Structure formats: C-alpha cells, structure tokens
C-alpha cells in the first residue's frame, strides 16, 4: 500500500547523521494521500503522492 499508484514512489532507506557523523538508520516516506480521481469517466480512489496530485491538477 505504501506506494504511489502513478509514479511508484515508495519508502526509501538512509541514515540520520549526528554532529559526530554517527550514522543511524532512518526511513524517508513519501507524502501519500488517498484521493478521488476521474479515470475514463468514472470516479476511482487512488493512493497518490503529493507531487502526482499537483501534476494532475495542473493538467486539468
């Protein structure tokens, strides 16, 4: 579920870096939101990232 249905953006792993440069694990999560979208003349619920929602709004 934690994946954008349009672009495929999902959770990415990396490191927190403290002042001493000690690396601890962390996750970067996409800003996913459930939205209603018109697709082929029908209303469909989709899970999209904020960037894809903005792109859809620009084209409409």
PDB file of N, CA and C in Angstrom:
ATOM      1  N   UNK A   1       0.818  -1.191   0.000  1.00  0.00           N
ATOM      2  CA  UNK A   1       0.000   0.000   0.000  1.00  0.00           C
ATOM      3  C   UNK A   1       0.862   1.255   0.000  1.00  0.00           C
ATOM      4  N   UNK A   2       2.013   1.237   0.625  1.00  0.00           N
ATOM      5  CA  UNK A   2       2.838   2.445   0.733  1.00  0.00           C
ATOM      6  C   UNK A   2       3.600   2.700  -0.562  1.00  0.00           C
ATOM      7  N   UNK A   3       2.830   2.920  -1.640  1.00  0.00           N
ATOM      8  CA  UNK A   3       3.428   3.162  -2.946  1.00  0.00           C
ATOM      9  C   UNK A   3       2.473   4.011  -3.774  1.00  0.00           C
ATOM     10  N   UNK A   4       3.022   4.997  -4.453  1.00  0.00           N
ATOM     11  CA  UNK A   4       2.204   5.848  -5.318  1.00  0.00           C
ATOM     12  C   UNK A   4       1.781   5.040  -6.539  1.00  0.00           C
ATOM     13  N   UNK A   5       0.492   5.087  -6.854  1.00  0.00           N
ATOM     14  CA  UNK A   5      -0.015   4.301  -7.982  1.00  0.00           C
ATOM     15  C   UNK A   5       0.346   4.904  -9.327  1.00  0.00           C
ATOM     16  N   UNK A   6       0.757   6.171  -9.346  1.00  0.00           N
ATOM     17  CA  UNK A   6       1.103   6.818 -10.615  1.00  0.00           C
ATOM     18  C   UNK A   6       2.592   6.687 -10.923  1.00  0.00           C
ATOM     19  N   UNK A   7       3.442   7.064  -9.972  1.00  0.00           N
ATOM     20  CA  UNK A   7       4.884   7.104 -10.256  1.00  0.00           C
ATOM     21  C   UNK A   7       5.663   5.979  -9.586  1.00  0.00           C
ATOM     22  N   UNK A   8       5.048   5.260  -8.654  1.00  0.00           N
ATOM     23  CA  UNK A   8       5.726   4.148  -7.997  1.00  0.00           C
ATOM     24  C   UNK A   8       6.637   4.557  -6.848  1.00  0.00           C
ATOM     25  N   UNK A   9       6.555   5.810  -6.427  1.00  0.00           N
ATOM     26  CA  UNK A   9       7.390   6.280  -5.321  1.00  0.00           C
ATOM     27  C   UNK A   9       7.026   5.526  -4.047  1.00  0.00           C
ATOM     28  N   UNK A  10       8.040   5.040  -3.318  1.00  0.00           N
ATOM     29  CA  UNK A  10       7.793   4.287  -2.093  1.00  0.00           C
ATOM     30  C   UNK A  10       8.852   4.634  -1.049  1.00  0.00           C
ATOM     31  N   UNK A  11       8.810   3.961   0.079  1.00  0.00           N
ATOM     32  CA  UNK A  11       9.730   4.224   1.170  1.00  0.00           C
ATOM     33  C   UNK A  11      11.164   3.942   0.743  1.00  0.00           C
ATOM     34  N   UNK A  12      12.072   4.853   1.121  1.00  0.00           N
ATOM     35  CA  UNK A  12      13.496   4.720   0.822  1.00  0.00           C
ATOM     36  C   UNK A  12      14.247   4.761   2.146  1.00  0.00           C
ATOM     37  N   UNK A  13      15.345   4.029   2.248  1.00  0.00           N
ATOM     38  CA  UNK A  13      16.106   3.963   3.491  1.00  0.00           C
ATOM     39  C   UNK A  13      17.391   4.757   3.385  1.00  0.00           C
ATOM     40  N   UNK A  14      17.789   5.330   4.506  1.00  0.00           N
ATOM     41  CA  UNK A  14      19.016   6.118   4.548  1.00  0.00           C
ATOM     42  C   UNK A  14      19.539   6.182   5.966  1.00  0.00           C
ATOM     43  N   UNK A  15      20.279   7.246   6.275  1.00  0.00           N
ATOM     44  CA  UNK A  15      20.874   7.398   7.599  1.00  0.00           C
ATOM     45  C   UNK A  15      20.584   8.767   8.187  1.00  0.00           C
ATOM     46  N   UNK A  16      20.382   8.801   9.521  1.00  0.00           N
ATOM     47  CA  UNK A  16      20.450  10.048  10.264  1.00  0.00           C
ATOM     48  C   UNK A  16      21.923  10.291  10.529  1.00  0.00           C
ATOM     49  N   UNK A  17      22.363  11.530  10.428  1.00  0.00           N
ATOM     50  CA  UNK A  17      23.750  11.866  10.720  1.00  0.00           C
ATOM     51  C   UNK A  17      23.791  12.867  11.860  1.00  0.00           C
ATOM     52  N   UNK A  18      24.420  12.470  12.974  1.00  0.00           N
ATOM     53  CA  UNK A  18      24.560  13.366  14.107  1.00  0.00           C
ATOM     54  C   UNK A  18      25.754  14.295  13.883  1.00  0.00           C
ATOM     55  N   UNK A  19      25.975  15.201  14.831  1.00  0.00           N
ATOM     56  CA  UNK A  19      27.105  16.133  14.736  1.00  0.00           C
ATOM     57  C   UNK A  19      28.434  15.384  14.669  1.00  0.00           C
ATOM     58  N   UNK A  20      28.509  14.229  15.358  1.00  0.00           N
ATOM     59  CA  UNK A  20      29.736  13.423  15.348  1.00  0.00           C
ATOM     60  C   UNK A  20      29.819  12.513  14.127  1.00  0.00           C
ATOM     61  N   UNK A  21      28.845  12.653  13.212  1.00  0.00           N
ATOM     62  CA  UNK A  21      28.764  11.861  11.973  1.00  0.00           C
ATOM     63  C   UNK A  21      28.476  10.379  12.207  1.00  0.00           C
ATOM     64  N   UNK A  22      27.911  10.046  13.374  1.00  0.00           N
ATOM     65  CA  UNK A  22      27.474   8.672  13.632  1.00  0.00           C
ATOM     66  C   UNK A  22      26.218   8.418  12.801  1.00  0.00           C
ATOM     67  N   UNK A  23      26.172   7.308  12.072  1.00  0.00           N
ATOM     68  CA  UNK A  23      25.052   7.003  11.183  1.00  0.00           C
ATOM     69  C   UNK A  23      24.081   6.043  11.870  1.00  0.00           C
ATOM     70  N   UNK A  24      22.817   6.442  11.940  1.00  0.00           N
ATOM     71  CA  UNK A  24      21.768   5.558  12.429  1.00  0.00           C
ATOM     72  C   UNK A  24      20.712   5.446  11.342  1.00  0.00           C
ATOM     73  N   UNK A  25      20.064   4.305  11.262  1.00  0.00           N
ATOM     74  CA  UNK A  25      19.103   4.050  10.187  1.00  0.00           C
ATOM     75  C   UNK A  25      17.853   4.894  10.327  1.00  0.00           C
ATOM     76  N   UNK A  26      17.282   5.283   9.199  1.00  0.00           N
ATOM     77  CA  UNK A  26      16.025   6.009   9.150  1.00  0.00           C
ATOM     78  C   UNK A  26      15.318   5.715   7.840  1.00  0.00           C
ATOM     79  N   UNK A  27      14.048   6.121   7.750  1.00  0.00           N
ATOM     80  CA  UNK A  27      13.285   5.929   6.522  1.00  0.00           C
ATOM     81  C   UNK A  27      12.820   7.273   6.000  1.00  0.00           C
ATOM     82  N   UNK A  28      12.760   7.384   4.687  1.00  0.00           N
ATOM     83  CA  UNK A  28      12.183   8.542   4.011  1.00  0.00           C
ATOM     84  C   UNK A  28      10.874   8.066   3.404  1.00  0.00           C
ATOM     85  N   UNK A  29       9.755   8.571   3.914  1.00  0.00           N
ATOM     86  CA  UNK A  29       8.451   8.128   3.443  1.00  0.00           C
ATOM     87  C   UNK A  29       7.842   9.165   2.505  1.00  0.00           C
ATOM     88  N   UNK A  30       7.216   8.733   1.413  1.00  0.00           N
ATOM     89  CA  UNK A  30       6.562   9.686   0.506  1.00  0.00           C
ATOM     90  C   UNK A  30       5.273  10.219   1.134  1.00  0.00           C
ATOM     91  N   UNK A  31       4.864  11.391   0.702  1.00  0.00           N
ATOM     92  CA  UNK A  31       3.640  12.027   1.197  1.00  0.00           C
ATOM     93  C   UNK A  31       2.452  11.455   0.423  1.00  0.00           C
ATOM     94  N   UNK A  32       1.989  10.273   0.832  1.00  0.00           N
ATOM     95  CA  UNK A  32       0.905   9.583   0.128  1.00  0.00           C
ATOM     96  C   UNK A  32      -0.452  10.006   0.679  1.00  0.00           C
ATOM     97  N   UNK A  33      -1.402  10.209  -0.237  1.00  0.00           N
ATOM     98  CA  UNK A  33      -2.748  10.598   0.141  1.00  0.00           C
ATOM     99  C   UNK A  33      -3.753   9.851  -0.715  1.00  0.00           C
ATOM    100  N   UNK A  34      -4.898   9.510  -0.107  1.00  0.00           N
ATOM    101  CA  UNK A  34      -5.952   8.818  -0.846  1.00  0.00           C
ATOM    102  C   UNK A  34      -6.864   9.865  -1.458  1.00  0.00           C
ATOM    103  N   UNK A  35      -6.988   9.863  -2.776  1.00  0.00           N
ATOM    104  CA  UNK A  35      -7.773  10.877  -3.477  1.00  0.00           C
ATOM    105  C   UNK A  35      -8.740  10.226  -4.460  1.00  0.00           C
ATOM    106  N   UNK A  36      -9.781  10.984  -4.795  1.00  0.00           N
ATOM    107  CA  UNK A  36     -10.756  10.549  -5.791  1.00  0.00           C
ATOM    108  C   UNK A  36     -10.348  11.155  -7.134  1.00  0.00           C
ATOM    109  N   UNK A  37     -10.199  10.313  -8.148  1.00  0.00           N
ATOM    110  CA  UNK A  37      -9.736  10.753  -9.464  1.00  0.00           C
ATOM    111  C   UNK A  37     -10.718  10.267 -10.519  1.00  0.00           C
ATOM    112  N   UNK A  38     -10.946  11.099 -11.548  1.00  0.00           N
ATOM    113  CA  UNK A  38     -11.760  10.668 -12.671  1.00  0.00           C
ATOM    114  C   UNK A  38     -10.876   9.910 -13.660  1.00  0.00           C
ATOM    115  N   UNK A  39     -11.245   8.671 -13.932  1.00  0.00           N
ATOM    116  CA  UNK A  39     -10.481   7.838 -14.863  1.00  0.00           C
ATOM    117  C   UNK A  39     -11.469   7.180 -15.823  1.00  0.00           C
ATOM    118  N   UNK A  40     -11.354   7.512 -17.099  1.00  0.00           N
ATOM    119  CA  UNK A  40     -12.270   7.002 -18.126  1.00  0.00           C
ATOM    120  C   UNK A  40     -13.725   7.330 -17.790  1.00  0.00           C
ATOM    121  N   UNK A  41     -13.956   8.542 -17.249  1.00  0.00           N
ATOM    122  CA  UNK A  41     -15.314   8.970 -16.935  1.00  0.00           C
ATOM    123  C   UNK A  41     -15.883   8.407 -15.649  1.00  0.00           C
ATOM    124  N   UNK A  42     -15.075   7.701 -14.866  1.00  0.00           N
ATOM    125  CA  UNK A  42     -15.539   7.114 -13.609  1.00  0.00           C
ATOM    126  C   UNK A  42     -14.710   7.652 -12.455  1.00  0.00           C
ATOM    127  N   UNK A  43     -15.336   7.751 -11.278  1.00  0.00           N
ATOM    128  CA  UNK A  43     -14.608   8.157 -10.082  1.00  0.00           C
ATOM    129  C   UNK A  43     -13.886   6.937  -9.512  1.00  0.00           C
ATOM    130  N   UNK A  44     -12.583   7.103  -9.235  1.00  0.00           N
ATOM    131  CA  UNK A  44     -11.780   5.991  -8.715  1.00  0.00           C
ATOM    132  C   UNK A  44     -10.942   6.503  -7.552  1.00  0.00           C
ATOM    133  N   UNK A  45     -10.878   5.713  -6.464  1.00  0.00           N
ATOM    134  CA  UNK A  45      -9.991   6.050  -5.356  1.00  0.00           C
ATOM    135  C   UNK A  45      -8.588   5.587  -5.704  1.00  0.00           C
ATOM    136  N   UNK A  46      -7.604   6.477  -5.525  1.00  0.00           N
ATOM    137  CA  UNK A  46      -6.214   6.124  -5.780  1.00  0.00           C
ATOM    138  C   UNK A  46      -5.340   6.652  -4.658  1.00  0.00           C
ATOM    139  N   UNK A  47      -4.228   5.970  -4.420  1.00  0.00           N
ATOM    140  CA  UNK A  47      -3.234   6.436  -3.468  1.00  0.00           C
ATOM    141  C   UNK A  47      -2.122   7.092  -4.282  1.00  0.00           C
ATOM    142  N   UNK A  48      -1.989   8.433  -4.143  1.00  0.00           N
ATOM    143  CA  UNK A  48      -1.020   9.192  -4.929  1.00  0.00           C
ATOM    144  C   UNK A  48      -0.149  10.030  -4.009  1.00  0.00           C
ATOM    145  N   UNK A  49       1.074  10.289  -4.465  1.00  0.00           N
ATOM    146  CA  UNK A  49       1.944  11.195  -3.717  1.00  0.00           C
ATOM    147  C   UNK A  49       1.536  12.629  -4.031  1.00  0.00           C
ATOM    148  N   UNK A  50       1.951  13.564  -3.191  1.00  0.00           N
ATOM    149  CA  UNK A  50       1.563  14.969  -3.330  1.00  0.00           C
ATOM    150  C   UNK A  50       2.009  15.534  -4.675  1.00  0.00           C
ATOM    151  N   UNK A  51       3.175  15.126  -5.148  1.00  0.00           N
ATOM    152  CA  UNK A  51       3.684  15.629  -6.424  1.00  0.00           C
ATOM    153  C   UNK A  51       2.775  15.211  -7.579  1.00  0.00           C
ATOM    154  N   UNK A  52       2.308  13.975  -7.575  1.00  0.00           N
ATOM    155  CA  UNK A  52       1.419  13.496  -8.641  1.00  0.00           C
ATOM    156  C   UNK A  52       0.051  14.171  -8.569  1.00  0.00           C
ATOM    157  N   UNK A  53      -0.430  14.466  -7.360  1.00  0.00           N
ATOM    158  CA  UNK A  53      -1.699  15.174  -7.206  1.00  0.00           C
ATOM    159  C   UNK A  53      -1.577  16.562  -7.809  1.00  0.00           C
ATOM    160  N   UNK A  54      -0.457  17.243  -7.566  1.00  0.00           N
ATOM    161  CA  UNK A  54      -0.222  18.574  -8.130  1.00  0.00           C
ATOM    162  C   UNK A  54      -0.143  18.519  -9.644  1.00  0.00           C
ATOM    163  N   UNK A  55       0.515  17.500 -10.170  1.00  0.00           N
ATOM    164  CA  UNK A  55       0.655  17.349 -11.625  1.00  0.00           C
ATOM    165  C   UNK A  55      -0.718  17.133 -12.268  1.00  0.00           C
ATOM    166  N   UNK A  56      -1.578  16.319 -11.637  1.00  0.00           N
ATOM    167  CA  UNK A  56      -2.925  16.092 -12.159  1.00  0.00           C
ATOM    168  C   UNK A  56      -3.728  17.383 -12.143  1.00  0.00           C
ATOM    169  N   UNK A  57      -3.576  18.189 -11.099  1.00  0.00           N
ATOM    170  CA  UNK A  57      -4.320  19.445 -11.005  1.00  0.00           C
ATOM    171  C   UNK A  57      -3.876  20.421 -12.089  1.00  0.00           C
ATOM    172  N   UNK A  58      -2.602  20.411 -12.454  1.00  0.00           N
ATOM    173  CA  UNK A  58      -2.094  21.295 -13.492  1.00  0.00           C
ATOM    174  C   UNK A  58      -2.681  20.949 -14.863  1.00  0.00           C
ATOM    175  N   UNK A  59      -2.830  19.654 -15.144  1.00  0.00           N
ATOM    176  CA  UNK A  59      -3.297  19.224 -16.449  1.00  0.00           C
ATOM    177  C   UNK A  59      -4.815  19.405 -16.618  1.00  0.00           C
ATOM    178  N   UNK A  60      -5.516  19.496 -15.498  1.00  0.00           N
ATOM    179  CA  UNK A  60      -6.986  19.626 -15.572  1.00  0.00           C
ATOM    180  C   UNK A  60      -7.439  21.044 -15.817  1.00  0.00           C
TER     181      UNK A  60
END
